[in-house]
C-alpha atoms as a PDB file:
ATOM      1  CA  LYS A   1      29.293  -0.072  15.038  1.00  0.00           C
ATOM      2  CA  ARG A   2      29.762   2.920  17.168  1.00  0.00           C
ATOM      3  CA  ILE A   3      31.696   4.658  14.419  1.00  0.00           C
ATOM      4  CA  ARG A   4      29.005   3.896  11.933  1.00  0.00           C
ATOM      5  CA  ASP A   5      26.312   5.193  14.335  1.00  0.00           C
ATOM      6  CA  LYS A   6      28.200   8.397  14.920  1.00  0.00           C
ATOM      7  CA  ALA A   7      28.779   8.907  11.191  1.00  0.00           C
ATOM      8  CA  LEU A   8      25.041   8.265  10.481  1.00  0.00           C
ATOM      9  CA  GLU A   9      24.032  10.775  13.241  1.00  0.00           C
ATOM     10  CA  SER A  10      26.355  13.431  11.648  1.00  0.00           C
ATOM     11  CA  LEU A  11      25.072  12.740   8.182  1.00  0.00           C
ATOM     12  CA  THR A  12      21.411  12.997   9.466  1.00  0.00           C
ATOM     13  CA  LEU A  13      22.117  16.327  10.954  1.00  0.00           C
ATOM     14  CA  PHE A  14      23.764  17.513   7.708  1.00  0.00           C
ATOM     15  CA  ILE A  15      20.832  16.566   5.555  1.00  0.00           C
ATOM     16  CA  ARG A  16      18.264  17.997   7.862  1.00  0.00           C
ATOM     17  CA  SER A  17      20.041  21.367   8.006  1.00  0.00           C
ATOM     18  CA  ARG A  18      20.459  21.611   4.171  1.00  0.00           C
ATOM     19  CA  ARG A  19      17.402  22.582   2.182  1.00  0.00           C
ATOM     20  CA  ASP A  20      19.223  23.325  -1.039  1.00  0.00           C
ATOM     21  CA  LEU A  21      20.735  19.869  -1.795  1.00  0.00           C
ATOM     22  CA  GLN A  22      20.682  18.999  -5.461  1.00  0.00           C
ATOM     23  CA  LEU A  23      19.801  15.540  -6.833  1.00  0.00           C
ATOM     24  CA  VAL A  24      23.450  14.997  -7.706  1.00  0.00           C
ATOM     25  CA  GLU A  25      24.610  15.610  -4.282  1.00  0.00           C
ATOM     26  CA  LEU A  26      21.993  13.326  -2.767  1.00  0.00           C
ATOM     27  CA  LEU A  27      22.963  10.620  -5.226  1.00  0.00           C
ATOM     28  CA  LYS A  28      26.536  10.839  -3.992  1.00  0.00           C
ATOM     29  CA  ILE A  29      25.181  10.553  -0.400  1.00  0.00           C
ATOM     30  CA  TRP A  30      23.207   7.497  -1.403  1.00  0.00           C
ATOM     31  CA  LYS A  31      26.160   5.942  -3.066  1.00  0.00           C
ATOM     32  CA  GLY A  32      27.992   6.021   0.288  1.00  0.00           C
ATOM     33  CA  LEU A  33      25.044   4.886   2.232  1.00  0.00           C
ATOM     34  CA  PHE A  34      24.508   1.939  -0.221  1.00  0.00           C
ATOM     35  CA  PHE A  35      27.955   0.523   0.468  1.00  0.00           C
ATOM     36  CA  CYS A  36      27.708   1.382   4.138  1.00  0.00           C
ATOM     37  CA  PHE A  37      24.650  -0.852   4.265  1.00  0.00           C
ATOM     38  CA  TYR A  38      26.465  -3.440   1.980  1.00  0.00           C
ATOM     39  CA  HIS A  39      29.192  -3.926   4.567  1.00  0.00           C
ATOM     40  CA  SER A  40      26.837  -4.059   7.572  1.00  0.00           C
ATOM     41  CA  ASP A  41      26.908  -7.519   9.219  1.00  0.00           C
ATOM     42  CA  ARG A  42      24.587  -9.503  11.618  1.00  0.00           C
ATOM     43  CA  PRO A  43      20.788  -9.418  11.083  1.00  0.00           C
ATOM     44  CA  LEU A  44      19.974  -7.137  14.118  1.00  0.00           C
ATOM     45  CA  THR A  45      22.506  -4.577  13.110  1.00  0.00           C
ATOM     46  CA  GLN A  46      21.185  -4.654   9.484  1.00  0.00           C
ATOM     47  CA  GLN A  47      17.529  -4.183  10.670  1.00  0.00           C
ATOM     48  CA  ALA A  48      18.413  -1.329  13.006  1.00  0.00           C
ATOM     49  CA  LEU A  49      20.466   0.429  10.264  1.00  0.00           C
ATOM     50  CA  ALA A  50      17.610  -0.048   7.739  1.00  0.00           C
ATOM     51  CA  ARG A  51      15.147   1.516  10.129  1.00  0.00           C
ATOM     52  CA  SER A  52      17.465   4.389  11.023  1.00  0.00           C
ATOM     53  CA  LEU A  53      17.939   5.113   7.271  1.00  0.00           C
ATOM     54  CA  SER A  54      14.185   5.112   6.831  1.00  0.00           C
ATOM     55  CA  TYR A  55      11.764   5.556   9.635  1.00  0.00           C
ATOM     56  CA  THR A  56      14.218   7.776  11.614  1.00  0.00           C
ATOM     57  CA  LEU A  57      15.753   9.792   8.926  1.00  0.00           C
ATOM     58  CA  VAL A  58      13.053  10.301   6.225  1.00  0.00           C
ATOM     59  CA  PRO A  59      10.282  11.855   8.373  1.00  0.00           C
ATOM     60  CA  SER A  60      12.810  14.392   9.716  1.00  0.00           C
ATOM     61  CA  LEU A  61      13.703  15.719   6.265  1.00  0.00           C
ATOM     62  CA  PRO A  62      12.572  19.201   5.172  1.00  0.00           C
ATOM     63  CA  ASP A  63       9.819  19.206   2.523  1.00  0.00           C
ATOM     64  CA  GLN A  64      12.108  20.859   0.112  1.00  0.00           C
ATOM     65  CA  SER A  65      14.425  17.824  -0.064  1.00  0.00           C
ATOM     66  CA  LEU A  66      12.137  15.014   0.628  1.00  0.00           C
ATOM     67  CA  GLN A  67      11.046  14.032  -2.844  1.00  0.00           C
ATOM     68  CA  SER A  68      14.648  14.485  -4.094  1.00  0.00           C
ATOM     69  CA  PHE A  69      15.948  12.318  -1.322  1.00  0.00           C
ATOM     70  CA  LEU A  70      13.379   9.508  -2.086  1.00  0.00           C
ATOM     71  CA  ARG A  71      14.153   9.902  -5.838  1.00  0.00           C
ATOM     72  CA  ALA A  72      17.937   9.459  -5.110  1.00  0.00           C
ATOM     73  CA  PHE A  73      17.106   6.281  -3.211  1.00  0.00           C
ATOM     74  CA  TRP A  74      15.068   4.708  -5.958  1.00  0.00           C
ATOM     75  CA  ILE A  75      17.691   5.711  -8.655  1.00  0.00           C
ATOM     76  CA  THR A  76      20.315   4.027  -6.477  1.00  0.00           C
ATOM     77  CA  MET A  77      18.312   0.862  -5.883  1.00  0.00           C
ATOM     78  CA  SER A  78      17.202   0.515  -9.531  1.00  0.00           C
ATOM     79  CA  ARG A  79      20.753   1.044 -10.855  1.00  0.00           C
ATOM     80  CA  ASP A  80      22.636  -1.178  -8.420  1.00  0.00           C
ATOM     81  CA  PHE A  81      20.031  -3.912  -7.745  1.00  0.00           C
ATOM     82  CA  HIS A  82      21.663  -6.336 -10.153  1.00  0.00           C
ATOM     83  CA  SER A  83      25.007  -6.010  -8.423  1.00  0.00           C
ATOM     84  CA  LEU A  84      23.649  -7.543  -5.195  1.00  0.00           C
ATOM     85  CA  ASP A  85      24.659 -11.133  -4.439  1.00  0.00           C
ATOM     86  CA  ARG A  86      22.215 -13.591  -2.877  1.00  0.00           C
ATOM     87  CA  LEU A  87      23.893 -13.435   0.552  1.00  0.00           C
ATOM     88  CA  ARG A  88      23.146  -9.649   0.825  1.00  0.00           C
ATOM     89  CA  LEU A  89      19.885  -9.495  -1.069  1.00  0.00           C
ATOM     90  CA  ASP A  90      17.580 -10.021   1.910  1.00  0.00           C
ATOM     91  CA  LYS A  91      18.787  -7.004   3.837  1.00  0.00           C
ATOM     92  CA  TYR A  92      18.344  -4.765   0.812  1.00  0.00           C
ATOM     93  CA  LEU A  93      14.822  -6.099   0.303  1.00  0.00           C
ATOM     94  CA  TYR A  94      14.086  -5.196   3.910  1.00  0.00           C
ATOM     95  CA  LEU A  95      15.566  -1.691   3.410  1.00  0.00           C
ATOM     96  CA  ILE A  96      13.248  -1.316   0.294  1.00  0.00           C
ATOM     97  CA  ARG A  97      10.280  -2.448   2.379  1.00  0.00           C
ATOM     98  CA  CYS A  98      11.127   0.111   5.109  1.00  0.00           C
ATOM     99  CA  TYR A  99      11.191   2.881   2.397  1.00  0.00           C
ATOM    100  CA  VAL A 100       7.947   1.868   0.856  1.00  0.00           C
ATOM    101  CA  GLY A 101       6.374   1.900   4.335  1.00  0.00           C
ATOM    102  CA  VAL A 102       7.733   5.177   5.529  1.00  0.00           C
ATOM    103  CA  ALA A 103       6.746   6.862   2.329  1.00  0.00           C
ATOM    104  CA  PHE A 104       3.172   5.703   2.602  1.00  0.00           C
ATOM    105  CA  GLU A 105       3.233   6.775   6.209  1.00  0.00           C
ATOM    106  CA  ILE A 106       4.408  10.316   5.536  1.00  0.00           C
ATOM    107  CA  PHE A 107       2.208  11.061   2.405  1.00  0.00           C
ATOM    108  CA  LEU A 108      -0.990   9.354   3.742  1.00  0.00           C
ATOM    109  CA  LYS A 109      -0.862  11.067   7.084  1.00  0.00           C
ATOM    110  CA  LYS A 110      -0.060  14.440   5.453  1.00  0.00           C
ATOM    111  CA  GLY A 111      -2.881  13.954   2.919  1.00  0.00           C
ATOM    112  CA  LEU A 112      -5.432  12.984   5.447  1.00  0.00           C
ATOM    113  CA  LEU A 113      -4.543  16.022   7.621  1.00  0.00           C
ATOM    114  CA  ASP A 114      -4.486  18.443   4.637  1.00  0.00           C
ATOM    115  CA  GLY A 115      -7.651  17.008   3.313  1.00  0.00           C
ATOM    116  CA  ALA A 116      -9.332  17.562   6.733  1.00  0.00           C
ATOM    117  CA  GLY A 117      -8.076  21.059   6.812  1.00  0.00           C
ATOM    118  CA  LYS A 118      -9.126  22.131   3.276  1.00  0.00           C
ATOM    119  CA  GLY A 119     -12.755  21.070   3.333  1.00  0.00           C
ATOM    120  CA  THR A 120     -12.630  17.447   2.392  1.00  0.00           C
ATOM    121  CA  GLY A 121     -13.926  16.520   5.713  1.00  0.00           C
ATOM    122  CA  LYS A 122     -17.490  17.239   4.508  1.00  0.00           C
ATOM    123  CA  GLN A 123     -17.109  14.554   1.891  1.00  0.00           C
ATOM    124  CA  THR A 124     -15.634  12.195   4.419  1.00  0.00           C
ATOM    125  CA  GLN A 125     -18.549  12.812   6.755  1.00  0.00           C
ATOM    126  CA  THR A 126     -20.991  12.080   4.072  1.00  0.00           C
ATOM    127  CA  GLN A 127     -19.255   8.840   3.147  1.00  0.00           C
ATOM    128  CA  THR A 128     -19.261   7.846   6.848  1.00  0.00           C
ATOM    129  CA  GLN A 129     -23.030   8.518   7.165  1.00  0.00           C
ATOM    130  CA  GLN A 130     -23.652   6.576   4.095  1.00  0.00           C
ATOM    131  CA  HIS A 131     -21.645   3.649   5.364  1.00  0.00           C
ATOM    132  CA  GLU A 132     -23.552   3.706   8.680  1.00  0.00           C
ATOM    133  CA  GLY A 133     -26.836   3.685   6.797  1.00  0.00           C
ATOM    134  CA  GLU A 134     -25.674   0.684   4.818  1.00  0.00           C
ATOM    135  CA  GLY A 135     -24.543  -1.129   8.012  1.00  0.00           C
ATOM    136  CA  LYS A 136     -28.174  -0.971   9.374  1.00  0.00           C
ATOM    137  CA  LYS A 137     -29.326  -2.700   6.229  1.00  0.00           C
ATOM    138  CA  GLY A 138     -26.735  -5.471   6.615  1.00  0.00           C
ATOM    139  CA  LYS A 139     -24.275  -4.216   4.035  1.00  0.00           C
ATOM    140  CA  THR A 140     -20.814  -4.031   5.381  1.00  0.00           C
ATOM    141  CA  GLU A 141     -18.775  -3.391   2.154  1.00  0.00           C
ATOM    142  CA  ARG A 142     -18.012   0.258   1.170  1.00  0.00           C
ATOM    143  CA  VAL A 143     -16.426   0.978  -2.179  1.00  0.00           C
ATOM    144  CA  VAL A 144     -14.262   3.945  -2.720  1.00  0.00           C
ATOM    145  CA  GLU A 145     -13.158   3.473  -6.395  1.00  0.00           C
ATOM    146  CA  LYS A 146     -14.701   5.015  -9.376  1.00  0.00           C
ATOM    147  CA  GLU A 147     -13.136   3.177 -12.376  1.00  0.00           C
ATOM    148  CA  LYS A 148     -14.442  -0.193 -13.655  1.00  0.00           C
ATOM    149  CA  GLY A 149     -12.259  -3.039 -14.739  1.00  0.00           C
ATOM    150  CA  SER A 150      -9.751  -5.137 -12.883  1.00  0.00           C
ATOM    151  CA  LEU A 151     -10.874  -3.719  -9.373  1.00  0.00           C
ATOM    152  CA  GLY A 152     -14.450  -5.103  -9.958  1.00  0.00           C
ATOM    153  CA  LYS A 153     -17.807  -3.369 -10.104  1.00  0.00           C
ATOM    154  CA  ARG A 154     -18.411  -0.370  -7.935  1.00  0.00           C
ATOM    155  CA  LYS A 155     -21.519   0.426  -6.017  1.00  0.00           C
ATOM    156  CA  ARG A 156     -23.676   2.936  -7.763  1.00  0.00           C
ATOM    157  CA  GLY A 157     -24.165   5.518  -4.960  1.00  0.00           C
ATOM    158  CA  GLU A 158     -20.535   5.801  -3.999  1.00  0.00           C
ATOM    159  CA  ALA A 159     -19.249   5.632  -7.519  1.00  0.00           C
ATOM    160  CA  GLY A 160     -21.384   8.612  -8.427  1.00  0.00           C
ATOM    161  CA  GLN A 161     -20.306  10.425  -5.250  1.00  0.00           C
ATOM    162  CA  GLN A 162     -16.635  10.247  -6.118  1.00  0.00           C
ATOM    163  CA  LYS A 163     -17.152  10.931  -9.755  1.00  0.00           C
ATOM    164  CA  GLU A 164     -15.895  14.529  -9.252  1.00  0.00           C
ATOM    165  CA  ALA A 165     -13.123  15.136  -6.733  1.00  0.00           C
ATOM    166  CA  GLU A 166     -13.021  18.389  -4.960  1.00  0.00           C
ATOM    167  CA  PRO A 167     -10.123  20.734  -5.672  1.00  0.00           C
ATOM    168  CA  GLY A 168      -8.934  20.606  -2.000  1.00  0.00           C
ATOM    169  CA  GLN A 169      -8.813  16.744  -2.181  1.00  0.00           C
ATOM    170  CA  LEU A 170      -6.738  16.754  -5.307  1.00  0.00           C
ATOM    171  CA  GLU A 171      -4.362  19.317  -3.611  1.00  0.00           C
ATOM    172  CA  ALA A 172      -4.154  17.135  -0.509  1.00  0.00           C
ATOM    173  CA  TRP A 173      -2.795  14.176  -2.408  1.00  0.00           C
ATOM    174  CA  LYS A 174      -0.483  16.094  -4.673  1.00  0.00           C
ATOM    175  CA  ASP A 175       2.699  14.956  -2.934  1.00  0.00           C
ATOM    176  CA  LEU A 176       1.528  11.293  -2.935  1.00  0.00           C
ATOM    177  CA  GLY A 177       0.718  11.596  -6.657  1.00  0.00           C
ATOM    178  CA  THR A 178       4.194  12.995  -7.362  1.00  0.00           C
ATOM    179  CA  TYR A 179       5.830  10.161  -5.493  1.00  0.00           C
ATOM    180  CA  LEU A 180       3.750   7.431  -7.294  1.00  0.00           C
ATOM    181  CA  THR A 181       4.598   9.072 -10.679  1.00  0.00           C
ATOM    182  CA  MET A 182       8.289   8.833  -9.813  1.00  0.00           C
ATOM    183  CA  LEU A 183       7.844   5.042  -9.089  1.00  0.00           C
ATOM    184  CA  GLU A 184       5.923   4.628 -12.350  1.00  0.00           C
ATOM    185  CA  GLU A 185       8.786   6.274 -14.056  1.00  0.00           C
ATOM    186  CA  GLY A 186      11.383   3.962 -12.501  1.00  0.00           C
ATOM    187  CA  PRO A 187      10.967   0.589 -10.698  1.00  0.00           C
ATOM    188  CA  LEU A 188       7.173   0.272 -11.417  1.00  0.00           C
ATOM    189  CA  CYS A 189       7.445   1.320 -15.044  1.00  0.00           C
ATOM    190  CA  PRO A 190       5.828  -1.248 -17.354  1.00  0.00           C
ATOM    191  CA  LEU A 191       8.652  -1.051 -19.882  1.00  0.00           C
ATOM    192  CA  ASN A 192      12.353  -1.649 -19.407  1.00  0.00           C
ATOM    193  CA  PHE A 193      13.194   0.852 -22.085  1.00  0.00           C
ATOM    194  CA  ASP A 194      10.948   3.541 -23.478  1.00  0.00           C
ATOM    195  CA  PRO A 195      12.404   5.444 -26.472  1.00  0.00           C
ATOM    196  CA  ALA A 196       9.658   8.087 -26.405  1.00  0.00           C
ATOM    197  CA  SER A 197      10.669   9.206 -22.858  1.00  0.00           C
ATOM    198  CA  ASP A 198      14.417   8.871 -23.384  1.00  0.00           C
ATOM    199  CA  ASP A 199      15.840  12.350 -23.046  1.00  0.00           C
ATOM    200  CA  THR A 200      19.410  12.491 -24.449  1.00  0.00           C
ATOM    201  CA  ARG A 201      19.949  15.952 -22.773  1.00  0.00           C
ATOM    202  CA  GLU A 202      19.451  14.313 -19.299  1.00  0.00           C
ATOM    203  CA  ASP A 203      22.517  13.706 -17.297  1.00  0.00           C
ATOM    204  CA  PRO A 204      23.001   9.937 -17.157  1.00  0.00           C
ATOM    205  CA  ALA A 205      24.055  10.211 -13.528  1.00  0.00           C
ATOM    206  CA  VAL A 206      20.629  11.388 -12.458  1.00  0.00           C
ATOM    207  CA  ARG A 207      18.552   9.265 -14.912  1.00  0.00           C
ATOM    208  CA  MET A 208      15.919   7.032 -13.359  1.00  0.00           C
ATOM    209  CA  HIS A 209      16.381   3.375 -14.252  1.00  0.00           C
ATOM    210  CA  LYS A 210      13.405   1.336 -15.143  1.00  0.00           C
ATOM    211  CA  GLY A 211      12.922  -1.937 -13.250  1.00  0.00           C
ATOM    212  CA  PRO A 212      14.490  -4.422 -12.975  1.00  0.00           C
ATOM    213  CA  ASP A 213      11.851  -7.213 -12.810  1.00  0.00           C
ATOM    214  CA  GLY A 214      13.295  -8.492  -9.599  1.00  0.00           C
ATOM    215  CA  LEU A 215      12.512  -5.101  -7.846  1.00  0.00           C
ATOM    216  CA  ARG A 216       9.083  -5.033  -9.489  1.00  0.00           C
ATOM    217  CA  TYR A 217       8.303  -8.408  -7.976  1.00  0.00           C
ATOM    218  CA  HIS A 218       9.381  -7.343  -4.506  1.00  0.00           C
ATOM    219  CA  LEU A 219       7.270  -4.147  -4.649  1.00  0.00           C
ATOM    220  CA  LEU A 220       4.201  -6.163  -5.770  1.00  0.00           C
ATOM    221  CA  ASP A 221       4.709  -8.544  -2.844  1.00  0.00           C
ATOM    222  CA  ILE A 222       4.860  -5.803  -0.148  1.00  0.00           C
ATOM    223  CA  TRP A 223       2.613  -3.102  -1.656  1.00  0.00           C
ATOM    224  CA  LEU A 224      -0.667  -4.123   0.158  1.00  0.00           C
ATOM    225  CA  ASP A 225       1.267  -5.069   3.306  1.00  0.00           C
ATOM    226  CA  GLU A 226       2.731  -1.623   3.739  1.00  0.00           C
ATOM    227  CA  ILE A 227      -0.656   0.066   2.808  1.00  0.00           C
ATOM    228  CA  GLU A 228      -2.428  -1.951   5.455  1.00  0.00           C
ATOM    229  CA  LYS A 229      -0.011  -0.738   8.217  1.00  0.00           C
ATOM    230  CA  VAL A 230      -0.879   2.837   7.577  1.00  0.00           C
ATOM    231  CA  ALA A 231      -4.287   2.959   6.007  1.00  0.00           C
ATOM    232  CA  VAL A 232      -6.330   0.225   7.618  1.00  0.00           C
ATOM    233  CA  VAL A 233      -8.036   0.155  11.061  1.00  0.00           C
ATOM    234  CA  GLU A 234      -9.979  -2.459  12.940  1.00  0.00           C
ATOM    235  CA  ALA A 235     -13.677  -1.827  13.749  1.00  0.00           C
ATOM    236  CA  GLU A 236     -16.436  -3.883  15.261  1.00  0.00           C
ATOM    237  CA  VAL A 237     -19.305  -4.522  12.791  1.00  0.00           C
ATOM    238  CA  GLU A 238     -22.525  -6.396  13.204  1.00  0.00           C
ATOM    239  CA  VAL A 239     -23.180  -9.483  11.115  1.00  0.00           C
ATOM    240  CA  GLU A 240     -26.281 -11.563  10.712  1.00  0.00           C
ATOM    241  CA  VAL A 241     -25.762 -15.023  12.064  1.00  0.00           C
ATOM    242  CA  GLU A 242     -28.308 -17.830  11.579  1.00  0.00           C
ATOM    243  CA  GLY A 243     -29.678 -19.130  14.757  1.00  0.00           C
ATOM    244  CA  ASN A 244     -29.154 -22.797  15.586  1.00  0.00           C
ATOM    245  CA  GLY A 245     -31.956 -25.278  15.725  1.00  0.00           C
ATOM    246  CA  ASN A 246     -31.768 -25.930  19.459  1.00  0.00           C
ATOM    247  CA  ALA A 247     -34.992 -24.455  21.068  1.00  0.00           C
ATOM    248  CA  GLU A 248     -33.721 -24.597  24.482  1.00  0.00           C
ATOM    249  CA  ALA A 249     -30.544 -22.714  23.475  1.00  0.00           C
ATOM    250  CA  ARG A 250     -32.593 -20.005  21.795  1.00  0.00           C
ATOM    251  CA  ASN A 251     -34.878 -19.614  24.863  1.00  0.00           C
ATOM    252  CA  SER A 252     -32.014 -19.462  27.276  1.00  0.00           C
ATOM    253  CA  THR A 253     -31.100 -15.809  28.316  1.00  0.00           C
ATOM    254  CA  LEU A 254     -27.423 -16.750  28.766  1.00  0.00           C
ATOM    255  CA  ASN A 255     -27.241 -18.279  25.326  1.00  0.00           C
ATOM    256  CA  ASN A 256     -29.013 -15.299  23.795  1.00  0.00           C
ATOM    257  CA  ASP A 257     -26.354 -13.120  25.288  1.00  0.00           C
ATOM    258  CA  GLU A 258     -23.617 -15.355  23.943  1.00  0.00           C
ATOM    259  CA  ASN A 259     -25.284 -15.368  20.519  1.00  0.00           C
ATOM    260  CA  PHE A 260     -25.488 -11.598  20.577  1.00  0.00           C
ATOM    261  CA  GLU A 261     -21.725 -11.415  21.150  1.00  0.00           C
ATOM    262  CA  GLU A 262     -21.111 -13.736  18.258  1.00  0.00           C
ATOM    263  CA  GLN A 263     -22.859 -11.382  16.013  1.00  0.00           C
ATOM    264  CA  LYS A 264     -20.192  -8.781  16.531  1.00  0.00           C
ATOM    265  CA  LYS A 265     -16.786  -9.292  14.985  1.00  0.00           C
ATOM    266  CA  LYS A 266     -13.813  -7.135  14.157  1.00  0.00           C
ATOM    267  CA  LYS A 267     -13.252  -6.289  10.532  1.00  0.00           C
ATOM    268  CA  LYS A 268     -10.482  -4.264   9.012  1.00  0.00           C
ATOM    269  CA  LYS A 269     -11.637  -1.273   6.961  1.00  0.00           C
ATOM    270  CA  LEU A 270      -9.907   1.704   5.322  1.00  0.00           C
ATOM    271  CA  LYS A 271      -9.547   4.967   7.106  1.00  0.00           C
ATOM    272  CA  ASP A 272     -12.007   7.587   5.643  1.00  0.00           C
ATOM    273  CA  GLY A 273     -10.404   9.485   2.831  1.00  0.00           C
ATOM    274  CA  VAL A 274      -7.655   7.083   1.737  1.00  0.00           C
ATOM    275  CA  PRO A 275      -7.241   7.337  -2.056  1.00  0.00           C
ATOM    276  CA  MET A 276      -6.990   3.670  -2.842  1.00  0.00           C
ATOM    277  CA  GLU A 277      -7.608   4.298  -6.543  1.00  0.00           C
ATOM    278  CA  LEU A 278      -4.407   6.484  -6.611  1.00  0.00           C
ATOM    279  CA  LEU A 279      -2.410   3.954  -4.520  1.00  0.00           C
ATOM    280  CA  LEU A 280      -3.363   1.084  -6.805  1.00  0.00           C
ATOM    281  CA  ARG A 281      -2.716   3.098  -9.949  1.00  0.00           C
ATOM    282  CA  PRO A 282       0.826   1.695 -10.532  1.00  0.00           C
ATOM    283  CA  ILE A 283      -0.388  -1.761 -10.093  1.00  0.00           C
ATOM    284  CA  VAL A 284      -3.163  -1.284 -12.511  1.00  0.00           C
ATOM    285  CA  ARG A 285      -0.784   0.217 -14.946  1.00  0.00           C
ATOM    286  CA  LEU A 286       1.640  -2.742 -14.748  1.00  0.00           C
ATOM    287  CA  GLN A 287      -1.237  -5.170 -15.272  1.00  0.00           C
ATOM    288  CA  GLU A 288      -2.473  -3.338 -18.345  1.00  0.00           C
ATOM    289  CA  LYS A 289       0.785  -2.318 -20.062  1.00  0.00           C
ATOM    290  CA  SER A 290       3.692  -4.497 -18.837  1.00  0.00           C
ATOM    291  CA  ILE A 291       5.438  -6.352 -21.584  1.00  0.00           C
ATOM    292  CA  SER A 292       6.251  -9.247 -19.160  1.00  0.00           C
ATOM    293  CA  LYS A 293       3.665 -11.865 -18.747  1.00  0.00           C
ATOM    294  CA  MET A 294       4.803 -12.732 -15.256  1.00  0.00           C
ATOM    295  CA  VAL A 295       4.743  -9.084 -14.207  1.00  0.00           C
ATOM    296  CA  ARG A 296       1.064  -8.799 -15.567  1.00  0.00           C
ATOM    297  CA  LYS A 297       0.163 -11.952 -13.606  1.00  0.00           C
ATOM    298  CA  ARG A 298       1.671 -10.833 -10.360  1.00  0.00           C
ATOM    299  CA  ALA A 299       0.017  -7.500 -10.617  1.00  0.00           C
ATOM    300  CA  GLY A 300      -3.330  -9.195 -11.284  1.00  0.00           C
ATOM    301  CA  GLU A 301      -2.783 -11.274  -8.154  1.00  0.00           C
ATOM    302  CA  VAL A 302      -2.322  -8.085  -6.085  1.00  0.00           C
ATOM    303  CA  LEU A 303      -5.527  -6.562  -7.482  1.00  0.00           C
ATOM    304  CA  ASP A 304      -7.397  -9.804  -6.720  1.00  0.00           C
ATOM    305  CA  ASP A 305      -6.065  -9.992  -3.169  1.00  0.00           C
ATOM    306  CA  GLU A 306      -8.824 -10.891  -0.652  1.00  0.00           C
ATOM    307  CA  ARG A 307      -7.891  -8.011   1.558  1.00  0.00           C
ATOM    308  CA  LEU A 308      -9.205  -5.564  -1.084  1.00  0.00           C
ATOM    309  CA  VAL A 309     -12.551  -7.286  -0.788  1.00  0.00           C
ATOM    310  CA  GLU A 310     -12.481  -7.019   2.984  1.00  0.00           C
ATOM    311  CA  TRP A 311     -11.588  -3.313   2.818  1.00  0.00           C
ATOM    312  CA  GLY A 312     -14.478  -2.555   0.501  1.00  0.00           C
ATOM    313  CA  VAL A 313     -12.291  -1.533  -2.430  1.00  0.00           C
ATOM    314  CA  ARG A 314     -13.587  -4.202  -4.795  1.00  0.00           C
ATOM    315  CA  GLU A 315     -16.414  -6.818  -4.717  1.00  0.00           C
ATOM    316  CA  ARG A 316     -15.900 -10.464  -4.873  1.00  0.00           C
ATOM    317  CA  LYS A 317     -16.377 -12.033  -8.235  1.00  0.00           C
ATOM    318  CA  LYS A 318     -19.483 -14.141  -8.834  1.00  0.00           C
ATOM    319  CA  ASP A 319     -17.515 -17.124  -9.865  1.00  0.00           C
ATOM    320  CA  GLU A 320     -15.488 -16.961  -6.546  1.00  0.00           C
ATOM    321  CA  GLU A 321     -18.781 -16.743  -4.571  1.00  0.00           C
ATOM    322  CA  GLU A 322     -20.313 -19.665  -6.444  1.00  0.00           C
ATOM    323  CA  GLU A 323     -17.031 -21.824  -5.755  1.00  0.00           C
ATOM    324  CA  ASP A 324     -17.349 -20.889  -2.034  1.00  0.00           C
ATOM    325  CA  GLU A 325     -21.031 -21.949  -1.948  1.00  0.00           C
ATOM    326  CA  GLU A 326     -20.225 -25.259  -3.753  1.00  0.00           C
ATOM    327  CA  ASP A 327     -17.495 -25.919  -1.259  1.00  0.00           C
ATOM    328  CA  GLU A 328     -19.852 -25.294   1.646  1.00  0.00           C
ATOM    329  CA  ASP A 329     -22.462 -27.589   0.024  1.00  0.00           C
ATOM    330  CA  GLU A 330     -19.991 -30.320  -0.355  1.00  0.00           C
ATOM    331  CA  GLU A 331     -18.865 -30.065   3.237  1.00  0.00           C
ATOM    332  CA  GLU A 332     -22.349 -30.128   4.544  1.00  0.00           C
ATOM    333  CA  GLY A 333     -23.515 -32.926   2.189  1.00  0.00           C
ATOM    334  CA  TRP A 334     -20.958 -35.506   3.402  1.00  0.00           C
ATOM    335  CA  GLY A 335     -22.274 -37.124   6.505  1.00  0.00           C
ATOM    336  CA  GLY A 336     -20.045 -40.172   6.652  1.00  0.00           C
ATOM    337  CA  ILE A 337     -20.718 -43.815   6.229  1.00  0.00           C
ATOM    338  CA  ASP A 338     -23.685 -45.209   8.340  1.00  0.00           C
ATOM    339  CA  GLY A 339     -22.894 -48.344  10.192  1.00  0.00           C
END
């Protein structure tokens, strides 16, 4: 382990100091890292190595080689995913989770900072004021999408507000868009083989492999989890709670204070300015264009996740609300057997 840690430290210093590394050279590095991780034993050692290769190494890379390094990682994982046996699969799934998380952490933080510095803070402030105004009216959901379809109906005011994105905002999320486009080209591509995009002049060694489905399923499973770690915060919101029928409890000052506390609860919401439409674009594309029925189904389950409703990205479907009301009526209607 000491030899491996020393070698990893030397490799990290080498990659940090080189800003002109080509994709072929990075693929050679990842070939060695892949088998180094392959032979790592014991869960704690595997987790520590996975986090060193992701959360420690990637944020320290220069901007010139960051996208190429991530591309080399995904080429390696897509190419060699089928060669993993079931005994070693879990640690690679954890490594992939770490890379999804660290990429979101880097690009979202960078985009939010760049957006605030390039004039998008004005739009964010307008959205915040609008959200506060809705909160006074008892509306706690805020929608940040503009497209209709699988993400549900958008609120009219905010949909119109985000109809035209400012140039500074588009520039702020350029790196994130480039990264997501790379994933759509590889592991999150709806097709396993696309003759139209097959370039025979491209070196097979640097070609991005599409899929496989096992990797797609894992990315769908962890996508919202990793977004939640970086893009979601907890905030106290006021909710209207029906008073109980006990007159003495309502007249009691102590109980009134307790009821007032009950009207405040913590709710998770997106940070202002997070481009959920862009982050969900690969999932929407899989649902619409994948040739696999199971992939389309899993992508639909991600887009129907209850967390997206809580974050204000989409609205609850009417049939789901009716089912919840019916369940509540059934629970309230059963009073037991009178003796």
